[in-house]
Structure formats: structure tokens, C-alpha cells
Amino acid sequence: MTHIPHDLAAEFPGKAERIHALKAADAHFARLVTDYDAVNRLIHRAEQRLELMSEEEEEHLRRRRVHLKDHIARHLR
């Protein structure tokens, strides 16, 4: 378990401008980023023990975050 938030700027170094441009131009991409941020925030809160959830719930969120990150990476190529 890490206590480091996995924000997109850290996950995709050097791609912040591209992420911003795609969010503005592509509604689907913007939704992916919004969903990623929401899931990531929940995971971080769970890791900090600010949001109580079962290990299964936390694992489900982690899998969802990976899935969203993969989608976002495909758009950034």
C-alpha cells in the first residue's frame, strides 16, 4: 500500500499539456480523466484510513484505476 496519490501529472510526466488539450477537445477523454480522478481520490482516502472500505472494495477500485489509466494512455499515444 502506498500513500502517494497517483495523479495523472505524475503518472504521465511531460504530458500535462496534452492531457489538458484533450480534456478540452474530447468529451470522452474528459470523462475518463474525471472518473480516474474520482477513483484515485477514493483510493488515496482509503489508504489514509479516512474512508473505510473492505479490502475487496479497495482492490476493485485499484483495478478500475488501472483500467482508466490504460484508456487514458491509449488516448495520449
C-alpha atoms as a PDB file:
ATOM      1  CA  MET A   1       0.000   0.000   0.000  1.00  0.00           C
ATOM      2  CA  THR A   2       1.369   3.370  -0.957  1.00  0.00           C
ATOM      3  CA  HIS A   3       0.334   6.693   0.425  1.00  0.00           C
ATOM      4  CA  ILE A   4       1.312   8.589  -2.684  1.00  0.00           C
ATOM      5  CA  PRO A   5      -1.567   9.907  -4.780  1.00  0.00           C
ATOM      6  CA  HIS A   6      -1.339   8.708  -8.377  1.00  0.00           C
ATOM      7  CA  ASP A   7      -2.370  11.926 -10.082  1.00  0.00           C
ATOM      8  CA  LEU A   8      -2.171  11.967 -13.861  1.00  0.00           C
ATOM      9  CA  ALA A   9       0.649  14.524 -13.979  1.00  0.00           C
ATOM     10  CA  ALA A  10       2.827  12.089 -12.016  1.00  0.00           C
ATOM     11  CA  GLU A  11       1.641   9.055 -13.980  1.00  0.00           C
ATOM     12  CA  PHE A  12       2.317  10.716 -17.356  1.00  0.00           C
ATOM     13  CA  PRO A  13       5.244  13.092 -16.867  1.00  0.00           C
ATOM     14  CA  GLY A  14       5.568  15.647 -19.617  1.00  0.00           C
ATOM     15  CA  LYS A  15       2.008  15.056 -20.834  1.00  0.00           C
ATOM     16  CA  ALA A  16       0.154  17.667 -18.735  1.00  0.00           C
ATOM     17  CA  GLU A  17      -0.416  19.999 -21.693  1.00  0.00           C
ATOM     18  CA  ARG A  18      -1.616  17.137 -23.898  1.00  0.00           C
ATOM     19  CA  ILE A  19      -3.992  15.956 -21.155  1.00  0.00           C
ATOM     20  CA  HIS A  20      -5.385  19.470 -20.774  1.00  0.00           C
ATOM     21  CA  ALA A  21      -5.840  19.882 -24.541  1.00  0.00           C
ATOM     22  CA  LEU A  22      -7.568  16.506 -24.915  1.00  0.00           C
ATOM     23  CA  LYS A  23      -9.874  17.252 -21.979  1.00  0.00           C
ATOM     24  CA  ALA A  24     -10.979  20.440 -23.711  1.00  0.00           C
ATOM     25  CA  ALA A  25     -11.427  18.841 -27.137  1.00  0.00           C
ATOM     26  CA  ASP A  26     -12.749  15.354 -26.378  1.00  0.00           C
ATOM     27  CA  ALA A  27     -15.711  14.791 -24.050  1.00  0.00           C
ATOM     28  CA  HIS A  28     -14.977  11.065 -23.758  1.00  0.00           C
ATOM     29  CA  PHE A  29     -11.392  11.755 -22.688  1.00  0.00           C
ATOM     30  CA  ALA A  30     -12.580  14.407 -20.229  1.00  0.00           C
ATOM     31  CA  ARG A  31     -14.916  11.821 -18.682  1.00  0.00           C
ATOM     32  CA  LEU A  32     -12.068   9.298 -18.388  1.00  0.00           C
ATOM     33  CA  VAL A  33      -9.966  11.881 -16.542  1.00  0.00           C
ATOM     34  CA  THR A  34     -12.863  12.830 -14.258  1.00  0.00           C
ATOM     35  CA  ASP A  35     -13.526   9.173 -13.453  1.00  0.00           C
ATOM     36  CA  TYR A  36      -9.821   8.488 -12.886  1.00  0.00           C
ATOM     37  CA  ASP A  37      -9.524  11.434 -10.504  1.00  0.00           C
ATOM     38  CA  ALA A  38     -12.597  10.340  -8.536  1.00  0.00           C
ATOM     39  CA  VAL A  39     -11.415   6.730  -8.185  1.00  0.00           C
ATOM     40  CA  ASN A  40      -7.892   7.839  -7.374  1.00  0.00           C
ATOM     41  CA  ARG A  41      -9.182  10.181  -4.668  1.00  0.00           C
ATOM     42  CA  LEU A  42     -11.200   7.346  -3.070  1.00  0.00           C
ATOM     43  CA  ILE A  43      -8.192   5.024  -3.081  1.00  0.00           C
ATOM     44  CA  HIS A  44      -5.984   7.669  -1.521  1.00  0.00           C
ATOM     45  CA  ARG A  45      -8.590   8.349   1.177  1.00  0.00           C
ATOM     46  CA  ALA A  46      -8.820   4.601   1.879  1.00  0.00           C
ATOM     47  CA  GLU A  47      -5.031   4.353   2.172  1.00  0.00           C
ATOM     48  CA  GLN A  48      -5.032   7.243   4.619  1.00  0.00           C
ATOM     49  CA  ARG A  49      -7.850   5.498   6.558  1.00  0.00           C
ATOM     50  CA  LEU A  50     -10.113   8.486   6.001  1.00  0.00           C
ATOM     51  CA  GLU A  51     -12.576   6.342   4.037  1.00  0.00           C
ATOM     52  CA  LEU A  52     -13.288   2.927   5.489  1.00  0.00           C
ATOM     53  CA  MET A  53     -13.862   0.131   2.996  1.00  0.00           C
ATOM     54  CA  SER A  54     -13.196  -3.567   2.700  1.00  0.00           C
ATOM     55  CA  GLU A  55     -10.068  -4.915   1.065  1.00  0.00           C
ATOM     56  CA  GLU A  56     -12.251  -6.205  -1.764  1.00  0.00           C
ATOM     57  CA  GLU A  57     -13.727  -2.746  -2.372  1.00  0.00           C
ATOM     58  CA  GLU A  58     -10.287  -1.168  -2.342  1.00  0.00           C
ATOM     59  CA  GLU A  59      -8.937  -3.818  -4.737  1.00  0.00           C
ATOM     60  CA  HIS A  60     -11.892  -3.248  -7.082  1.00  0.00           C
ATOM     61  CA  LEU A  61     -11.107   0.490  -7.106  1.00  0.00           C
ATOM     62  CA  ARG A  62      -7.437  -0.221  -7.826  1.00  0.00           C
ATOM     63  CA  ARG A  63      -8.377  -2.392 -10.806  1.00  0.00           C
ATOM     64  CA  ARG A  64     -10.743   0.349 -12.021  1.00  0.00           C
ATOM     65  CA  ARG A  65      -7.940   2.930 -11.730  1.00  0.00           C
ATOM     66  CA  VAL A  66      -5.599   0.745 -13.802  1.00  0.00           C
ATOM     67  CA  HIS A  67      -8.297   0.254 -16.430  1.00  0.00           C
ATOM     68  CA  LEU A  68      -8.919   4.015 -16.651  1.00  0.00           C
ATOM     69  CA  LYS A  69      -5.189   4.744 -16.760  1.00  0.00           C
ATOM     70  CA  ASP A  70      -4.782   2.290 -19.661  1.00  0.00           C
ATOM     71  CA  HIS A  71      -7.588   4.027 -21.567  1.00  0.00           C
ATOM     72  CA  ILE A  72      -6.041   7.417 -20.912  1.00  0.00           C
ATOM     73  CA  ALA A  73      -2.620   6.166 -22.059  1.00  0.00           C
ATOM     74  CA  ARG A  74      -4.122   4.945 -25.342  1.00  0.00           C
ATOM     75  CA  HIS A  75      -5.535   8.421 -25.978  1.00  0.00           C
ATOM     76  CA  LEU A  76      -2.180  10.029 -25.238  1.00  0.00           C
ATOM     77  CA  ARG A  77      -0.338   7.999 -27.888  1.00  0.00           C
END
